[in-house]
């Protein structure tokens, strides 16, 4: 489950969220997550499926609902898979960390920053 620091971070930003426990993992749904310019829709729900040891254990991949495309057409790479979770269909963003996860240092704030950086980089590449 989320530690106190990650809970405080979500509350400080006023992010509407839900935590769902599921065995050796837990999921965090952030509602109303605003994407960087260049995506449609501009606001989605973001699903993070996190290992039970998070934030000491590294996260991997994320999902959005509804499915996202680039403004003007095209699909971000490695987002073709759709998965059912919590009664909804989610678009899987198959991403793997480009950095080494630092247990005891990195946290939910770090992961959301990495997600945002990846989203911004992808729209810049698509526009080029």
Protein backbone atom coordinates (compact mmCIF):
# COMPACT_ATOMS: atom_id res chain seq x y z
CA UNK A 1 0.00 0.00 0.00
CA UNK A 2 1.02 3.62 -0.28
CA UNK A 3 3.32 4.90 2.41
CA UNK A 4 2.57 8.10 4.31
CA UNK A 5 4.87 10.21 2.13
CA UNK A 6 3.16 9.10 -1.09
CA UNK A 7 -0.29 9.66 0.45
CA UNK A 8 0.73 13.17 1.51
CA UNK A 9 2.09 13.87 -1.99
CA UNK A 10 -1.24 12.91 -3.62
CA UNK A 11 -3.22 14.93 -1.09
CA UNK A 12 -0.94 17.96 -1.47
CA UNK A 13 -1.60 17.97 -5.24
CA UNK A 14 -5.31 17.40 -4.69
CA UNK A 15 -5.28 14.32 -6.94
CA UNK A 16 -8.46 12.26 -6.85
CA UNK A 17 -7.24 8.71 -6.39
CA UNK A 18 -8.16 5.21 -5.33
CA UNK A 19 -5.95 2.38 -4.04
CA UNK A 20 -6.97 -1.20 -4.80
CA UNK A 21 -5.23 -4.09 -3.06
CA UNK A 22 -4.66 -7.19 -5.21
CA UNK A 23 -2.54 -9.88 -3.59
CA UNK A 24 1.18 -9.27 -4.10
CA UNK A 25 0.48 -5.95 -5.82
CA UNK A 26 -1.66 -2.92 -5.34
CA UNK A 27 -3.08 -0.53 -7.88
CA UNK A 28 -3.37 3.22 -7.76
CA UNK A 29 -5.90 4.94 -10.00
CA UNK A 30 -5.41 8.68 -10.37
CA UNK A 31 -8.54 10.27 -11.81
CA UNK A 32 -8.36 13.36 -13.98
CA UNK A 33 -4.67 13.02 -14.85
CA UNK A 34 -3.76 15.82 -17.28
CA UNK A 35 -1.55 14.77 -20.19
CA UNK A 36 1.02 17.09 -21.78
CA UNK A 37 0.02 18.94 -24.95
CA UNK A 38 -0.08 16.75 -28.01
CA UNK A 39 -2.38 13.99 -26.74
CA UNK A 40 -6.07 13.39 -27.01
CA UNK A 41 -7.97 13.19 -24.83
CA UNK A 42 -6.16 15.75 -22.72
CA UNK A 43 -7.34 14.23 -19.42
CA UNK A 44 -7.42 10.52 -18.56
CA UNK A 45 -7.44 8.20 -15.60
CA UNK A 46 -3.97 6.84 -14.90
CA UNK A 47 -3.53 3.32 -13.51
CA UNK A 48 -0.32 2.31 -11.76
CA UNK A 49 0.01 -1.36 -10.77
CA UNK A 50 2.69 -1.36 -8.11
CA UNK A 51 4.57 -4.18 -6.39
CA UNK A 52 3.80 -4.66 -2.70
CA UNK A 53 7.30 -3.46 -1.79
CA UNK A 54 6.82 -0.10 -3.54
CA UNK A 55 8.49 2.38 -3.26
CA UNK A 56 11.50 0.20 -2.45
CA UNK A 57 10.55 -2.14 -5.31
CA UNK A 58 10.68 -0.59 -8.79
CA UNK A 59 7.44 0.01 -10.75
CA UNK A 60 6.95 -1.02 -14.37
CA UNK A 61 4.46 0.19 -17.01
CA UNK A 62 1.29 2.23 -16.61
CA UNK A 63 -2.20 2.31 -18.12
CA UNK A 64 -4.66 5.00 -19.23
CA UNK A 65 -8.40 5.07 -19.73
CA UNK A 66 -9.69 6.00 -22.15
CA UNK A 67 -7.13 5.08 -24.79
CA UNK A 68 -4.83 7.91 -25.88
CA UNK A 69 -3.63 8.96 -29.32
CA UNK A 70 -1.64 11.88 -30.67
CA UNK A 71 -3.50 15.02 -31.64
CA UNK A 72 -3.96 14.75 -35.40
CA UNK A 73 -3.73 10.96 -35.38
CA UNK A 74 -1.31 8.21 -34.61
CA UNK A 75 -0.77 6.00 -31.61
CA UNK A 76 2.11 6.29 -29.16
CA UNK A 77 4.52 3.35 -29.53
CA UNK A 78 4.07 0.24 -27.37
CA UNK A 79 0.51 1.16 -26.35
CA UNK A 80 -1.42 -1.29 -28.53
CA UNK A 81 -2.38 -3.73 -25.75
CA UNK A 82 -5.70 -3.28 -23.94
CA UNK A 83 -6.33 -4.86 -20.55
CA UNK A 84 -9.39 -5.18 -18.36
CA UNK A 85 -9.10 -3.98 -14.78
CA UNK A 86 -11.67 -2.82 -12.25
CA UNK A 87 -14.47 -3.12 -14.80
CA UNK A 88 -12.77 -0.92 -17.40
CA UNK A 89 -10.60 -1.30 -20.48
CA UNK A 90 -7.15 0.25 -20.06
CA UNK A 91 -4.48 1.11 -22.63
CA UNK A 92 -1.16 -0.36 -21.49
CA UNK A 93 1.93 1.83 -21.88
CA UNK A 94 4.72 -0.73 -22.04
CA UNK A 95 7.57 1.27 -20.61
CA UNK A 96 10.56 0.20 -18.59
CA UNK A 97 12.60 2.53 -16.45
CA UNK A 98 15.52 4.14 -18.23
CA UNK A 99 17.14 4.81 -14.86
CA UNK A 100 18.08 2.64 -11.92
CA UNK A 101 15.35 2.77 -9.28
CA UNK A 102 16.82 3.90 -5.95
CA UNK A 103 15.17 2.14 -2.99
CA UNK A 104 14.78 4.49 -0.05
CA UNK A 105 15.08 7.53 -2.33
CA UNK A 106 12.62 7.17 -5.22
CA UNK A 107 8.89 7.24 -4.60
CA UNK A 108 5.55 8.00 -6.23
CA UNK A 109 6.63 11.56 -6.99
CA UNK A 110 9.68 10.19 -8.83
CA UNK A 111 7.57 7.72 -10.80
CA UNK A 112 5.02 10.34 -11.87
CA UNK A 113 7.89 12.60 -12.95
CA UNK A 114 9.32 9.75 -15.06
CA UNK A 115 5.91 9.14 -16.62
CA UNK A 116 5.47 12.83 -17.44
CA UNK A 117 8.99 13.00 -18.96
CA UNK A 118 8.25 9.97 -21.13
CA UNK A 119 4.94 11.45 -22.28
CA UNK A 120 6.58 14.79 -23.14
CA UNK A 121 9.44 13.11 -25.00
CA UNK A 122 7.03 10.98 -27.06
CA UNK A 123 5.00 13.98 -28.26
CA UNK A 124 8.20 15.84 -29.20
CA UNK A 125 9.34 12.85 -31.27
CA UNK A 126 5.91 12.49 -32.90
CA UNK A 127 5.90 16.18 -33.85
CA UNK A 128 9.40 16.01 -35.41
